[in-house]
Amino acid sequence: MSVQADIEAKLQALEPTFLTVENESHRHAVPANSETHFKVTLVSAHFQGLMPVKRHQRLYAVLSDELAGPVHALALHLYTPDEWEARGGARPESPDCRGGSA
């Protein structure tokens, strides 16, 4: 199973109403077909009443194996269903990589 598939499967524990996991490794100075940089957009009622840092910590706990191994960077966009609706289902775009070399 790919790292991306592992992440998607593990995040089901947070009962998402919306989930996307994007492999953004190709936008960074890493070998072809890498699975090291990911962007996660997750909407869950489990985030209700939690400040952003607590939401991140909850996700880090679920993905501890991946973060200890193959995953170098994880961009997180974590919302409650109400926050997601207020945003119109939009999430920020990732910036281009500005460091490293091929």
PDB file of N, CA and C in Angstrom:
ATOM      1  N   MET A   1       0.839  -1.176   0.000  1.00  0.00           N
ATOM      2  CA  MET A   1       0.000   0.000   0.000  1.00  0.00           C
ATOM      3  C   MET A   1       0.890   1.247   0.000  1.00  0.00           C
ATOM      4  N   SER A   2       0.469   2.267  -0.691  1.00  0.00           N
ATOM      5  CA  SER A   2       1.241   3.499  -0.767  1.00  0.00           C
ATOM      6  C   SER A   2       1.109   4.292   0.532  1.00  0.00           C
ATOM      7  N   VAL A   3       2.029   5.208   0.749  1.00  0.00           N
ATOM      8  CA  VAL A   3       1.976   6.077   1.922  1.00  0.00           C
ATOM      9  C   VAL A   3       0.676   6.886   1.890  1.00  0.00           C
ATOM     10  N   GLN A   4       0.320   7.389   0.732  1.00  0.00           N
ATOM     11  CA  GLN A   4      -0.907   8.170   0.604  1.00  0.00           C
ATOM     12  C   GLN A   4      -2.128   7.332   0.995  1.00  0.00           C
ATOM     13  N   ALA A   5      -2.193   6.105   0.533  1.00  0.00           N
ATOM     14  CA  ALA A   5      -3.317   5.228   0.877  1.00  0.00           C
ATOM     15  C   ALA A   5      -3.342   4.934   2.376  1.00  0.00           C
ATOM     16  N   ASP A   6      -2.168   4.738   2.979  1.00  0.00           N
ATOM     17  CA  ASP A   6      -2.090   4.520   4.428  1.00  0.00           C
ATOM     18  C   ASP A   6      -2.643   5.726   5.188  1.00  0.00           C
ATOM     19  N   ILE A   7      -2.253   6.928   4.750  1.00  0.00           N
ATOM     20  CA  ILE A   7      -2.732   8.156   5.394  1.00  0.00           C
ATOM     21  C   ILE A   7      -4.248   8.252   5.271  1.00  0.00           C
ATOM     22  N   GLU A   8      -4.751   8.039   4.074  1.00  0.00           N
ATOM     23  CA  GLU A   8      -6.202   8.120   3.853  1.00  0.00           C
ATOM     24  C   GLU A   8      -6.955   7.118   4.731  1.00  0.00           C
ATOM     25  N   ALA A   9      -6.436   5.901   4.828  1.00  0.00           N
ATOM     26  CA  ALA A   9      -7.099   4.871   5.636  1.00  0.00           C
ATOM     27  C   ALA A   9      -7.079   5.233   7.114  1.00  0.00           C
ATOM     28  N   LYS A  10      -5.948   5.678   7.612  1.00  0.00           N
ATOM     29  CA  LYS A  10      -5.836   6.009   9.037  1.00  0.00           C
ATOM     30  C   LYS A  10      -6.703   7.202   9.428  1.00  0.00           C
ATOM     31  N   LEU A  11      -6.847   8.158   8.525  1.00  0.00           N
ATOM     32  CA  LEU A  11      -7.628   9.348   8.843  1.00  0.00           C
ATOM     33  C   LEU A  11      -9.124   9.076   8.917  1.00  0.00           C
ATOM     34  N   GLN A  12      -9.545   7.914   8.473  1.00  0.00           N
ATOM     35  CA  GLN A  12     -10.952   7.539   8.618  1.00  0.00           C
ATOM     36  C   GLN A  12     -11.351   7.462  10.094  1.00  0.00           C
ATOM     37  N   ALA A  13     -10.379   7.293  10.973  1.00  0.00           N
ATOM     38  CA  ALA A  13     -10.648   7.255  12.416  1.00  0.00           C
ATOM     39  C   ALA A  13     -11.268   8.562  12.907  1.00  0.00           C
ATOM     40  N   LEU A  14     -11.044   9.658  12.176  1.00  0.00           N
ATOM     41  CA  LEU A  14     -11.603  10.961  12.561  1.00  0.00           C
ATOM     42  C   LEU A  14     -12.979  11.197  11.944  1.00  0.00           C
ATOM     43  N   GLU A  15     -13.532  10.171  11.293  1.00  0.00           N
ATOM     44  CA  GLU A  15     -14.869  10.226  10.700  1.00  0.00           C
ATOM     45  C   GLU A  15     -15.070  11.476   9.848  1.00  0.00           C
ATOM     46  N   PRO A  16     -14.241  11.652   8.828  1.00  0.00           N
ATOM     47  CA  PRO A  16     -14.346  12.874   8.023  1.00  0.00           C
ATOM     48  C   PRO A  16     -15.628  12.929   7.205  1.00  0.00           C
ATOM     49  N   THR A  17     -16.157  14.151   7.089  1.00  0.00           N
ATOM     50  CA  THR A  17     -17.250  14.378   6.145  1.00  0.00           C
ATOM     51  C   THR A  17     -16.673  14.800   4.796  1.00  0.00           C
ATOM     52  N   PHE A  18     -15.410  15.210   4.802  1.00  0.00           N
ATOM     53  CA  PHE A  18     -14.670  15.525   3.575  1.00  0.00           C
ATOM     54  C   PHE A  18     -13.204  15.244   3.862  1.00  0.00           C
ATOM     55  N   LEU A  19     -12.537  14.591   2.921  1.00  0.00           N
ATOM     56  CA  LEU A  19     -11.114  14.292   3.074  1.00  0.00           C
ATOM     57  C   LEU A  19     -10.441  14.249   1.717  1.00  0.00           C
ATOM     58  N   THR A  20      -9.353  14.987   1.593  1.00  0.00           N
ATOM     59  CA  THR A  20      -8.459  14.829   0.448  1.00  0.00           C
ATOM     60  C   THR A  20      -7.041  14.763   0.985  1.00  0.00           C
ATOM     61  N   VAL A  21      -6.282  13.854   0.417  1.00  0.00           N
ATOM     62  CA  VAL A  21      -4.865  13.730   0.724  1.00  0.00           C
ATOM     63  C   VAL A  21      -4.151  13.838  -0.608  1.00  0.00           C
ATOM     64  N   GLU A  22      -3.348  14.875  -0.757  1.00  0.00           N
ATOM     65  CA  GLU A  22      -2.653  15.128  -2.017  1.00  0.00           C
ATOM     66  C   GLU A  22      -1.154  14.943  -1.830  1.00  0.00           C
ATOM     67  N   ASN A  23      -0.574  14.153  -2.692  1.00  0.00           N
ATOM     68  CA  ASN A  23       0.878  13.978  -2.690  1.00  0.00           C
ATOM     69  C   ASN A  23       1.473  15.150  -3.455  1.00  0.00           C
ATOM     70  N   GLU A  24       2.139  16.043  -2.747  1.00  0.00           N
ATOM     71  CA  GLU A  24       2.749  17.221  -3.366  1.00  0.00           C
ATOM     72  C   GLU A  24       4.266  17.077  -3.496  1.00  0.00           C
ATOM     73  N   SER A  25       4.750  15.865  -3.373  1.00  0.00           N
ATOM     74  CA  SER A  25       6.197  15.631  -3.431  1.00  0.00           C
ATOM     75  C   SER A  25       6.806  16.127  -4.737  1.00  0.00           C
ATOM     76  N   HIS A  26       6.069  15.988  -5.829  1.00  0.00           N
ATOM     77  CA  HIS A  26       6.580  16.412  -7.137  1.00  0.00           C
ATOM     78  C   HIS A  26       6.876  17.914  -7.196  1.00  0.00           C
ATOM     79  N   ARG A  27       6.350  18.675  -6.260  1.00  0.00           N
ATOM     80  CA  ARG A  27       6.575  20.125  -6.222  1.00  0.00           C
ATOM     81  C   ARG A  27       7.820  20.492  -5.422  1.00  0.00           C
ATOM     82  N   HIS A  28       8.550  19.471  -4.965  1.00  0.00           N
ATOM     83  CA  HIS A  28       9.718  19.688  -4.113  1.00  0.00           C
ATOM     84  C   HIS A  28      10.942  18.999  -4.708  1.00  0.00           C
ATOM     85  N   ALA A  29      12.068  19.295  -4.157  1.00  0.00           N
ATOM     86  CA  ALA A  29      13.340  18.758  -4.648  1.00  0.00           C
ATOM     87  C   ALA A  29      13.583  17.370  -4.047  1.00  0.00           C
ATOM     88  N   VAL A  30      12.807  16.408  -4.540  1.00  0.00           N
ATOM     89  CA  VAL A  30      12.936  15.022  -4.084  1.00  0.00           C
ATOM     90  C   VAL A  30      12.955  14.120  -5.321  1.00  0.00           C
ATOM     91  N   PRO A  31      13.397  12.882  -5.180  1.00  0.00           N
ATOM     92  CA  PRO A  31      13.397  11.974  -6.334  1.00  0.00           C
ATOM     93  C   PRO A  31      11.993  11.755  -6.896  1.00  0.00           C
ATOM     94  N   ALA A  32      11.926  11.417  -8.160  1.00  0.00           N
ATOM     95  CA  ALA A  32      10.652  11.132  -8.821  1.00  0.00           C
ATOM     96  C   ALA A  32       9.912  10.033  -8.065  1.00  0.00           C
ATOM     97  N   ASN A  33       8.593  10.110  -8.057  1.00  0.00           N
ATOM     98  CA  ASN A  33       7.709   9.126  -7.423  1.00  0.00           C
ATOM     99  C   ASN A  33       7.846   9.061  -5.900  1.00  0.00           C
ATOM    100  N   SER A  34       8.360  10.122  -5.300  1.00  0.00           N
ATOM    101  CA  SER A  34       8.481  10.169  -3.838  1.00  0.00           C
ATOM    102  C   SER A  34       7.108  10.339  -3.189  1.00  0.00           C
ATOM    103  N   GLU A  35       7.019   9.916  -1.952  1.00  0.00           N
ATOM    104  CA  GLU A  35       5.828  10.136  -1.137  1.00  0.00           C
ATOM    105  C   GLU A  35       6.295  10.713   0.195  1.00  0.00           C
ATOM    106  N   THR A  36       6.711  11.975   0.132  1.00  0.00           N
ATOM    107  CA  THR A  36       7.300  12.618   1.299  1.00  0.00           C
ATOM    108  C   THR A  36       6.578  13.895   1.730  1.00  0.00           C
ATOM    109  N   HIS A  37       5.877  14.531   0.823  1.00  0.00           N
ATOM    110  CA  HIS A  37       5.218  15.808   1.093  1.00  0.00           C
ATOM    111  C   HIS A  37       3.726  15.667   0.771  1.00  0.00           C
ATOM    112  N   PHE A  38       2.885  15.914   1.766  1.00  0.00           N
ATOM    113  CA  PHE A  38       1.447  15.745   1.563  1.00  0.00           C
ATOM    114  C   PHE A  38       0.670  16.947   2.056  1.00  0.00           C
ATOM    115  N   LYS A  39      -0.479  17.137   1.437  1.00  0.00           N
ATOM    116  CA  LYS A  39      -1.425  18.170   1.854  1.00  0.00           C
ATOM    117  C   LYS A  39      -2.718  17.449   2.228  1.00  0.00           C
ATOM    118  N   VAL A  40      -3.172  17.675   3.447  1.00  0.00           N
ATOM    119  CA  VAL A  40      -4.384  17.041   3.942  1.00  0.00           C
ATOM    120  C   VAL A  40      -5.437  18.113   4.198  1.00  0.00           C
ATOM    121  N   THR A  41      -6.598  17.929   3.604  1.00  0.00           N
ATOM    122  CA  THR A  41      -7.759  18.744   3.918  1.00  0.00           C
ATOM    123  C   THR A  41      -8.777  17.796   4.521  1.00  0.00           C
ATOM    124  N   LEU A  42      -9.151  18.060   5.766  1.00  0.00           N
ATOM    125  CA  LEU A  42     -10.041  17.151   6.476  1.00  0.00           C
ATOM    126  C   LEU A  42     -11.096  17.953   7.222  1.00  0.00           C
ATOM    127  N   VAL A  43     -12.345  17.553   7.047  1.00  0.00           N
ATOM    128  CA  VAL A  43     -13.476  18.175   7.731  1.00  0.00           C
ATOM    129  C   VAL A  43     -14.069  17.122   8.655  1.00  0.00           C
ATOM    130  N   SER A  44     -14.173  17.458   9.938  1.00  0.00           N
ATOM    131  CA  SER A  44     -14.673  16.488  10.907  1.00  0.00           C
ATOM    132  C   SER A  44     -15.323  17.185  12.096  1.00  0.00           C
ATOM    133  N   ALA A  45     -16.395  16.607  12.570  1.00  0.00           N
ATOM    134  CA  ALA A  45     -17.044  17.103  13.782  1.00  0.00           C
ATOM    135  C   ALA A  45     -16.143  16.890  14.995  1.00  0.00           C
ATOM    136  N   HIS A  46     -15.160  16.008  14.897  1.00  0.00           N
ATOM    137  CA  HIS A  46     -14.212  15.778  15.995  1.00  0.00           C
ATOM    138  C   HIS A  46     -13.393  17.035  16.319  1.00  0.00           C
ATOM    139  N   PHE A  47     -13.357  18.008  15.408  1.00  0.00           N
ATOM    140  CA  PHE A  47     -12.588  19.229  15.628  1.00  0.00           C
ATOM    141  C   PHE A  47     -13.393  20.311  16.347  1.00  0.00           C
ATOM    142  N   GLN A  48     -14.669  20.055  16.561  1.00  0.00           N
ATOM    143  CA  GLN A  48     -15.528  21.038  17.215  1.00  0.00           C
ATOM    144  C   GLN A  48     -14.961  21.415  18.580  1.00  0.00           C
ATOM    145  N   GLY A  49     -14.787  22.710  18.830  1.00  0.00           N
ATOM    146  CA  GLY A  49     -14.309  23.200  20.112  1.00  0.00           C
ATOM    147  C   GLY A  49     -12.803  23.109  20.310  1.00  0.00           C
ATOM    148  N   LEU A  50     -12.077  22.632  19.299  1.00  0.00           N
ATOM    149  CA  LEU A  50     -10.621  22.511  19.412  1.00  0.00           C
ATOM    150  C   LEU A  50      -9.926  23.647  18.679  1.00  0.00           C
ATOM    151  N   MET A  51      -8.911  24.215  19.324  1.00  0.00           N
ATOM    152  CA  MET A  51      -8.075  25.218  18.670  1.00  0.00           C
ATOM    153  C   MET A  51      -7.218  24.505  17.611  1.00  0.00           C
ATOM    154  N   PRO A  52      -6.697  25.248  16.640  1.00  0.00           N
ATOM    155  CA  PRO A  52      -5.914  24.613  15.576  1.00  0.00           C
ATOM    156  C   PRO A  52      -4.780  23.715  16.070  1.00  0.00           C
ATOM    157  N   VAL A  53      -4.047  24.120  17.081  1.00  0.00           N
ATOM    158  CA  VAL A  53      -2.927  23.293  17.538  1.00  0.00           C
ATOM    159  C   VAL A  53      -3.421  21.946  18.064  1.00  0.00           C
ATOM    160  N   LYS A  54      -4.555  21.919  18.728  1.00  0.00           N
ATOM    161  CA  LYS A  54      -5.118  20.659  19.231  1.00  0.00           C
ATOM    162  C   LYS A  54      -5.603  19.774  18.086  1.00  0.00           C
ATOM    163  N   ARG A  55      -6.115  20.383  17.036  1.00  0.00           N
ATOM    164  CA  ARG A  55      -6.523  19.623  15.850  1.00  0.00           C
ATOM    165  C   ARG A  55      -5.305  18.959  15.220  1.00  0.00           C
ATOM    166  N   HIS A  56      -4.229  19.735  15.094  1.00  0.00           N
ATOM    167  CA  HIS A  56      -2.993  19.199  14.514  1.00  0.00           C
ATOM    168  C   HIS A  56      -2.460  18.055  15.367  1.00  0.00           C
ATOM    169  N   GLN A  57      -2.462  18.240  16.673  1.00  0.00           N
ATOM    170  CA  GLN A  57      -1.968  17.192  17.564  1.00  0.00           C
ATOM    171  C   GLN A  57      -2.783  15.913  17.420  1.00  0.00           C
ATOM    172  N   ARG A  58      -4.074  16.045  17.260  1.00  0.00           N
ATOM    173  CA  ARG A  58      -4.925  14.864  17.075  1.00  0.00           C
ATOM    174  C   ARG A  58      -4.539  14.128  15.796  1.00  0.00           C
ATOM    175  N   LEU A  59      -4.289  14.877  14.741  1.00  0.00           N
ATOM    176  CA  LEU A  59      -3.891  14.264  13.475  1.00  0.00           C
ATOM    177  C   LEU A  59      -2.498  13.649  13.574  1.00  0.00           C
ATOM    178  N   TYR A  60      -1.573  14.344  14.232  1.00  0.00           N
ATOM    179  CA  TYR A  60      -0.224  13.805  14.411  1.00  0.00           C
ATOM    180  C   TYR A  60      -0.254  12.472  15.150  1.00  0.00           C
ATOM    181  N   ALA A  61      -1.136  12.342  16.127  1.00  0.00           N
ATOM    182  CA  ALA A  61      -1.246  11.095  16.879  1.00  0.00           C
ATOM    183  C   ALA A  61      -1.700   9.951  15.970  1.00  0.00           C
ATOM    184  N   VAL A  62      -2.644  10.231  15.090  1.00  0.00           N
ATOM    185  CA  VAL A  62      -3.143   9.208  14.167  1.00  0.00           C
ATOM    186  C   VAL A  62      -2.060   8.805  13.165  1.00  0.00           C
ATOM    187  N   LEU A  63      -1.241   9.760  12.746  1.00  0.00           N
ATOM    188  CA  LEU A  63      -0.229   9.506  11.704  1.00  0.00           C
ATOM    189  C   LEU A  63       1.193   9.416  12.270  1.00  0.00           C
ATOM    190  N   SER A  64       1.330   9.026  13.509  1.00  0.00           N
ATOM    191  CA  SER A  64       2.649   9.018  14.146  1.00  0.00           C
ATOM    192  C   SER A  64       3.659   8.140  13.398  1.00  0.00           C
ATOM    193  N   ASP A  65       3.253   6.993  12.898  1.00  0.00           N
ATOM    194  CA  ASP A  65       4.191   6.119  12.174  1.00  0.00           C
ATOM    195  C   ASP A  65       4.686   6.776  10.892  1.00  0.00           C
ATOM    196  N   GLU A  66       3.785   7.386  10.154  1.00  0.00           N
ATOM    197  CA  GLU A  66       4.162   8.036   8.903  1.00  0.00           C
ATOM    198  C   GLU A  66       5.079   9.238   9.155  1.00  0.00           C
ATOM    199  N   LEU A  67       4.782   9.999  10.195  1.00  0.00           N
ATOM    200  CA  LEU A  67       5.593  11.171  10.510  1.00  0.00           C
ATOM    201  C   LEU A  67       6.963  10.790  11.050  1.00  0.00           C
ATOM    202  N   ALA A  68       7.081   9.607  11.625  1.00  0.00           N
ATOM    203  CA  ALA A  68       8.373   9.125  12.126  1.00  0.00           C
ATOM    204  C   ALA A  68       9.202   8.503  11.003  1.00  0.00           C
ATOM    205  N   GLY A  69       8.583   8.275   9.867  1.00  0.00           N
ATOM    206  CA  GLY A  69       9.281   7.597   8.782  1.00  0.00           C
ATOM    207  C   GLY A  69       9.267   8.358   7.481  1.00  0.00           C
ATOM    208  N   PRO A  70       8.424   7.952   6.551  1.00  0.00           N
ATOM    209  CA  PRO A  70       8.536   8.462   5.189  1.00  0.00           C
ATOM    210  C   PRO A  70       8.056   9.894   4.965  1.00  0.00           C
ATOM    211  N   VAL A  71       7.186  10.422   5.819  1.00  0.00           N
ATOM    212  CA  VAL A  71       6.608  11.744   5.571  1.00  0.00           C
ATOM    213  C   VAL A  71       7.512  12.830   6.137  1.00  0.00           C
ATOM    214  N   HIS A  72       7.945  13.722   5.255  1.00  0.00           N
ATOM    215  CA  HIS A  72       8.820  14.835   5.623  1.00  0.00           C
ATOM    216  C   HIS A  72       8.019  16.094   5.938  1.00  0.00           C
ATOM    217  N   ALA A  73       6.939  16.316   5.184  1.00  0.00           N
ATOM    218  CA  ALA A  73       6.148  17.535   5.357  1.00  0.00           C
ATOM    219  C   ALA A  73       4.670  17.217   5.194  1.00  0.00           C
ATOM    220  N   LEU A  74       3.879  17.869   6.036  1.00  0.00           N
ATOM    221  CA  LEU A  74       2.441  17.643   6.039  1.00  0.00           C
ATOM    222  C   LEU A  74       1.751  18.989   6.196  1.00  0.00           C
ATOM    223  N   ALA A  75       1.103  19.454   5.139  1.00  0.00           N
ATOM    224  CA  ALA A  75       0.321  20.688   5.195  1.00  0.00           C
ATOM    225  C   ALA A  75      -1.091  20.306   5.633  1.00  0.00           C
ATOM    226  N   LEU A  76      -1.565  20.915   6.708  1.00  0.00           N
ATOM    227  CA  LEU A  76      -2.857  20.539   7.268  1.00  0.00           C
ATOM    228  C   LEU A  76      -3.857  21.676   7.163  1.00  0.00           C
ATOM    229  N   HIS A  77      -5.022  21.332   6.653  1.00  0.00           N
ATOM    230  CA  HIS A  77      -6.156  22.252   6.576  1.00  0.00           C
ATOM    231  C   HIS A  77      -7.321  21.503   7.210  1.00  0.00           C
ATOM    232  N   LEU A  78      -7.596  21.813   8.478  1.00  0.00           N
ATOM    233  CA  LEU A  78      -8.520  21.043   9.298  1.00  0.00           C
ATOM    234  C   LEU A  78      -9.690  21.920   9.735  1.00  0.00           C
ATOM    235  N   TYR A  79     -10.901  21.468   9.422  1.00  0.00           N
ATOM    236  CA  TYR A  79     -12.086  22.286   9.654  1.00  0.00           C
ATOM    237  C   TYR A  79     -13.212  21.482  10.294  1.00  0.00           C
ATOM    238  N   THR A  80     -14.079  22.197  11.005  1.00  0.00           N
ATOM    239  CA  THR A  80     -15.353  21.610  11.427  1.00  0.00           C
ATOM    240  C   THR A  80     -16.290  21.710  10.217  1.00  0.00           C
ATOM    241  N   PRO A  81     -17.381  20.974  10.206  1.00  0.00           N
ATOM    242  CA  PRO A  81     -18.324  21.107   9.092  1.00  0.00           C
ATOM    243  C   PRO A  81     -18.839  22.536   8.908  1.00  0.00           C
ATOM    244  N   ASP A  82     -19.096  23.255   9.995  1.00  0.00           N
ATOM    245  CA  ASP A  82     -19.572  24.639   9.886  1.00  0.00           C
ATOM    246  C   ASP A  82     -18.506  25.555   9.288  1.00  0.00           C
ATOM    247  N   GLU A  83     -17.263  25.375   9.699  1.00  0.00           N
ATOM    248  CA  GLU A  83     -16.163  26.185   9.148  1.00  0.00           C
ATOM    249  C   GLU A  83     -15.995  25.909   7.661  1.00  0.00           C
ATOM    250  N   TRP A  84     -16.093  24.651   7.293  1.00  0.00           N
ATOM    251  CA  TRP A  84     -15.936  24.260   5.888  1.00  0.00           C
ATOM    252  C   TRP A  84     -17.044  24.876   5.038  1.00  0.00           C
ATOM    253  N   GLU A  85     -18.253  24.832   5.554  1.00  0.00           N
ATOM    254  CA  GLU A  85     -19.383  25.415   4.833  1.00  0.00           C
ATOM    255  C   GLU A  85     -19.196  26.926   4.693  1.00  0.00           C
ATOM    256  N   ALA A  86     -18.738  27.586   5.759  1.00  0.00           N
ATOM    257  CA  ALA A  86     -18.519  29.036   5.716  1.00  0.00           C
ATOM    258  C   ALA A  86     -17.447  29.416   4.704  1.00  0.00           C
ATOM    259  N   ARG A  87     -16.483  28.514   4.475  1.00  0.00           N
ATOM    260  CA  ARG A  87     -15.420  28.757   3.487  1.00  0.00           C
ATOM    261  C   ARG A  87     -15.885  28.444   2.071  1.00  0.00           C
ATOM    262  N   GLY A  88     -17.076  27.906   1.938  1.00  0.00           N
ATOM    263  CA  GLY A  88     -17.569  27.516   0.621  1.00  0.00           C
ATOM    264  C   GLY A  88     -16.831  26.303   0.074  1.00  0.00           C
ATOM    265  N   GLY A  89     -16.281  25.481   0.963  1.00  0.00           N
ATOM    266  CA  GLY A  89     -15.561  24.290   0.529  1.00  0.00           C
ATOM    267  C   GLY A  89     -14.218  24.588  -0.102  1.00  0.00           C
ATOM    268  N   ALA A  90     -13.661  25.739   0.222  1.00  0.00           N
ATOM    269  CA  ALA A  90     -12.373  26.137  -0.372  1.00  0.00           C
ATOM    270  C   ALA A  90     -11.254  25.985   0.649  1.00  0.00           C
ATOM    271  N   ARG A  91     -10.078  25.605   0.157  1.00  0.00           N
ATOM    272  CA  ARG A  91      -8.895  25.502   1.007  1.00  0.00           C
ATOM    273  C   ARG A  91      -7.758  26.243   0.338  1.00  0.00           C
ATOM    274  N   PRO A  92      -6.784  26.683   1.113  1.00  0.00           N
ATOM    275  CA  PRO A  92      -5.671  27.440   0.530  1.00  0.00           C
ATOM    276  C   PRO A  92      -4.853  26.588  -0.434  1.00  0.00           C
ATOM    277  N   GLU A  93      -4.304  27.240  -1.431  1.00  0.00           N
ATOM    278  CA  GLU A  93      -3.386  26.573  -2.357  1.00  0.00           C
ATOM    279  C   GLU A  93      -2.009  26.492  -1.724  1.00  0.00           C
ATOM    280  N   SER A  94      -1.286  25.479  -2.063  1.00  0.00           N
ATOM    281  CA  SER A  94       0.070  25.323  -1.532  1.00  0.00           C
ATOM    282  C   SER A  94       1.039  26.208  -2.303  1.00  0.00           C
ATOM    283  N   PRO A  95       2.003  26.805  -1.605  1.00  0.00           N
ATOM    284  CA  PRO A  95       3.025  27.606  -2.302  1.00  0.00           C
ATOM    285  C   PRO A  95       4.016  26.690  -3.020  1.00  0.00           C
ATOM    286  N   ASP A  96       4.703  27.245  -3.976  1.00  0.00           N
ATOM    287  CA  ASP A  96       5.767  26.489  -4.646  1.00  0.00           C
ATOM    288  C   ASP A  96       6.929  26.308  -3.693  1.00  0.00           C
ATOM    289  N   CYS A  97       7.649  25.230  -3.858  1.00  0.00           N
ATOM    290  CA  CYS A  97       8.838  24.956  -3.057  1.00  0.00           C
ATOM    291  C   CYS A  97       9.877  26.030  -3.344  1.00  0.00           C
ATOM    292  N   ARG A  98      10.509  26.509  -2.283  1.00  0.00           N
ATOM    293  CA  ARG A  98      11.504  27.573  -2.464  1.00  0.00           C
ATOM    294  C   ARG A  98      12.885  27.146  -1.987  1.00  0.00           C
ATOM    295  N   GLY A  99      13.027  25.886  -1.620  1.00  0.00           N
ATOM    296  CA  GLY A  99      14.310  25.464  -1.082  1.00  0.00           C
ATOM    297  C   GLY A  99      14.787  24.177  -1.700  1.00  0.00           C
ATOM    298  N   GLY A 100      15.982  23.792  -1.347  1.00  0.00           N
ATOM    299  CA  GLY A 100      16.551  22.526  -1.812  1.00  0.00           C
ATOM    300  C   GLY A 100      17.002  22.581  -3.256  1.00  0.00           C
ATOM    301  N   SER A 101      17.569  21.487  -3.682  1.00  0.00           N
ATOM    302  CA  SER A 101      17.978  21.373  -5.079  1.00  0.00           C
ATOM    303  C   SER A 101      17.744  19.959  -5.518  1.00  0.00           C
ATOM    304  N   ALA A 102      17.578  19.768  -6.813  1.00  0.00           N
ATOM    305  CA  ALA A 102      17.213  18.448  -7.350  1.00  0.00           C
ATOM    306  C   ALA A 102      18.337  17.471  -7.278  1.00  0.00           C
TER     307      ALA A 102
END
